[in-house]
Amino acid sequence: MDDTPPQAALDHECRVLTSYLLRQAPSSYVLAKYRDAHAADALPASPAGPFDRLLARLAISRPSLLKLVDAYASVFFRTGLLRKKMVLLLAILEVSPRLHACFDSPDPGGTVGLLARIAVRSSAFLLRLLLAVVVLGPLQLAFALRSTLAAGPGRRDG
């Protein structure tokens, strides 16, 4: 059974993630390569659980929540579906004829600028992570509890 999302869904996913990662729209090359990678099952295999799939769907369907979901996934679901999709897309973007310069160009500002960017971005990330834990942590707990209850009494998974 083929569970690859339809082309329109993959294109939307690619646009949302590219916009998040680079604040730009993907080229037709990037869209095509993203579709090709999914058709070829290029994502590392590991079954995504229900909460992991929810995180990916939430991030794609609500781009305004993507930073929050990404912060949560980067700590608690490092090898989850959303992060795998982002790593795959980053690999495609890095070799894209139009976008590779975004990765190869040095950041301006020297050492002081670098330290300032690190401080600002780290603080913003920590705030997003704190909010994500408050919002998504109970949801993850509910999914885990539901899974445990569905397993039934006397049965242990793990």
Protein backbone atom coordinates (compact mmCIF):
# COMPACT_ATOMS: atom_id res chain seq x y z
CA MET A 1 0.00 0.00 0.00
CA ASP A 2 1.38 3.40 -1.01
CA ASP A 3 1.05 5.94 1.79
CA THR A 4 2.95 8.72 0.01
CA PRO A 5 1.01 11.98 0.29
CA PRO A 6 -0.42 13.37 -2.96
CA GLN A 7 1.65 15.84 -4.95
CA ALA A 8 -0.36 18.89 -3.82
CA ALA A 9 0.11 17.94 -0.16
CA LEU A 10 3.85 17.44 -0.62
CA ASP A 11 4.17 20.75 -2.47
CA HIS A 12 2.31 22.53 0.35
CA GLU A 13 4.52 20.82 2.94
CA CYS A 14 7.64 21.81 1.03
CA ARG A 15 6.48 25.43 0.73
CA VAL A 16 5.69 25.69 4.44
CA LEU A 17 8.98 24.14 5.55
CA THR A 18 11.10 26.11 3.05
CA SER A 19 9.45 29.34 4.14
CA TYR A 20 10.20 28.44 7.76
CA LEU A 21 13.80 27.44 7.12
CA LEU A 22 14.85 30.15 4.63
CA ARG A 23 12.00 32.70 4.57
CA GLN A 24 11.71 32.09 0.82
CA ALA A 25 9.53 30.10 -1.53
CA PRO A 26 10.99 26.88 -2.93
CA SER A 27 11.94 26.72 -6.58
CA SER A 28 10.35 24.21 -8.93
CA TYR A 29 13.60 22.22 -8.63
CA VAL A 30 13.21 21.98 -4.84
CA LEU A 31 9.53 21.02 -5.11
CA ALA A 32 10.34 18.29 -7.63
CA LYS A 33 13.23 16.88 -5.58
CA TYR A 34 11.11 16.90 -2.40
CA ARG A 35 8.39 14.93 -4.22
CA ASP A 36 10.99 12.56 -5.71
CA ALA A 37 12.51 11.92 -2.28
CA HIS A 38 9.14 10.99 -0.83
CA ALA A 39 8.32 8.78 -3.80
CA ALA A 40 11.65 6.99 -3.31
CA ASP A 41 11.06 6.56 0.46
CA ALA A 42 14.15 8.66 1.24
CA LEU A 43 13.08 9.34 4.82
CA PRO A 44 14.89 7.06 7.28
CA ALA A 45 12.57 4.24 8.26
CA SER A 46 11.06 4.19 11.70
CA PRO A 47 7.36 4.13 12.31
CA ALA A 48 5.95 7.41 13.52
CA GLY A 49 3.65 7.13 16.50
CA PRO A 50 0.34 8.97 16.70
CA PHE A 51 1.74 11.95 18.61
CA ASP A 52 4.73 12.20 16.26
CA ARG A 53 2.38 12.27 13.26
CA LEU A 54 0.24 14.86 15.04
CA LEU A 55 3.27 17.12 15.52
CA ALA A 56 4.10 16.92 11.80
CA ARG A 57 0.48 17.56 10.76
CA LEU A 58 0.15 20.44 13.20
CA ALA A 59 3.35 22.08 11.98
CA ILE A 60 2.34 21.82 8.32
CA SER A 61 -1.32 22.73 8.69
CA ARG A 62 -0.66 25.65 11.07
CA PRO A 63 2.57 27.36 9.95
CA SER A 64 2.10 29.94 12.71
CA LEU A 65 2.78 27.12 15.20
CA LEU A 66 5.78 25.69 13.35
CA LYS A 67 8.40 27.42 15.52
CA LEU A 68 6.71 26.13 18.65
CA VAL A 69 6.35 22.57 17.34
CA ASP A 70 9.91 22.59 16.00
CA ALA A 71 11.29 23.69 19.37
CA TYR A 72 9.45 20.84 21.07
CA ALA A 73 10.43 18.28 18.44
CA SER A 74 14.08 19.38 18.50
CA VAL A 75 14.32 18.36 22.15
CA PHE A 76 11.77 15.57 22.61
CA PHE A 77 11.45 14.11 19.07
CA ARG A 78 14.90 14.61 17.54
CA THR A 79 14.39 11.65 15.21
CA GLY A 80 10.68 12.26 14.69
CA LEU A 81 8.85 12.64 11.41
CA LEU A 82 8.88 16.46 11.33
CA ARG A 83 12.63 16.65 11.97
CA LYS A 84 13.31 13.97 9.33
CA LYS A 85 11.32 15.95 6.78
CA MET A 86 13.21 19.12 7.67
CA VAL A 87 16.62 17.43 7.39
CA LEU A 88 15.63 15.95 4.03
CA LEU A 89 14.50 19.37 2.80
CA LEU A 90 17.68 21.04 4.10
CA ALA A 91 19.76 18.57 2.11
CA ILE A 92 17.77 19.41 -1.03
CA LEU A 93 17.99 23.16 -0.39
CA GLU A 94 21.73 23.01 0.22
CA VAL A 95 22.39 21.63 -3.27
CA SER A 96 19.71 23.69 -5.01
CA PRO A 97 21.20 25.83 -7.78
CA ARG A 98 19.30 28.93 -6.65
CA LEU A 99 19.54 28.54 -2.87
CA HIS A 100 22.91 26.98 -2.08
CA ALA A 101 24.42 30.43 -1.47
CA CYS A 102 22.22 30.78 1.63
CA PHE A 103 24.29 28.00 3.17
CA ASP A 104 27.69 28.88 1.76
CA SER A 105 27.78 32.62 2.51
CA PRO A 106 29.29 33.78 5.80
CA ASP A 107 27.07 35.70 8.19
CA PRO A 108 27.93 39.40 8.51
CA GLY A 109 28.99 41.06 11.74
CA GLY A 110 32.11 39.18 12.79
CA THR A 111 32.55 37.71 16.26
CA VAL A 112 30.47 40.33 18.09
CA GLY A 113 27.60 39.90 15.65
CA LEU A 114 27.84 36.13 15.99
CA LEU A 115 27.71 36.30 19.79
CA ALA A 116 24.75 38.69 19.68
CA ARG A 117 22.86 36.41 17.26
CA ILE A 118 23.59 33.39 19.45
CA ALA A 119 22.28 35.19 22.54
CA VAL A 120 19.10 36.42 20.85
CA ARG A 121 18.33 33.13 19.10
CA SER A 122 19.07 31.06 22.22
CA SER A 123 16.79 33.21 24.34
CA ALA A 124 14.01 33.04 21.75
CA PHE A 125 14.41 29.28 21.48
CA LEU A 126 14.23 28.80 25.24
CA LEU A 127 11.05 30.86 25.44
CA ARG A 128 9.47 28.88 22.60
CA LEU A 129 10.53 25.60 24.20
CA LEU A 130 9.03 26.61 27.55
CA LEU A 131 5.74 27.52 25.88
CA ALA A 132 5.83 24.32 23.80
CA VAL A 133 6.32 22.19 26.92
CA VAL A 134 3.34 23.88 28.57
CA VAL A 135 1.13 23.44 25.49
CA LEU A 136 2.36 20.18 23.92
CA GLY A 137 3.66 18.31 26.99
CA PRO A 138 0.19 17.55 28.40
CA LEU A 139 -0.97 16.53 24.94
CA GLN A 140 1.93 14.08 24.63
CA LEU A 141 1.12 12.75 28.10
CA ALA A 142 -2.51 12.24 27.07
CA PHE A 143 -1.42 10.32 23.97
CA ALA A 144 0.90 8.14 26.07
CA LEU A 145 -1.83 7.49 28.62
CA ARG A 146 -4.32 6.61 25.88
CA SER A 147 -1.80 4.19 24.37
CA THR A 148 -1.17 2.57 27.75
CA LEU A 149 -4.88 2.20 28.43
CA ALA A 150 -5.50 0.78 24.95
CA ALA A 151 -2.84 -1.86 25.59
CA GLY A 152 -5.08 -3.25 28.31
CA PRO A 153 -4.41 -4.56 31.80
CA GLY A 154 -1.54 -6.93 32.33
CA ARG A 155 0.08 -6.11 29.00
CA ARG A 156 3.25 -4.07 28.90
CA ASP A 157 4.87 -2.61 25.83
CA GLY A 158 8.45 -1.60 26.08
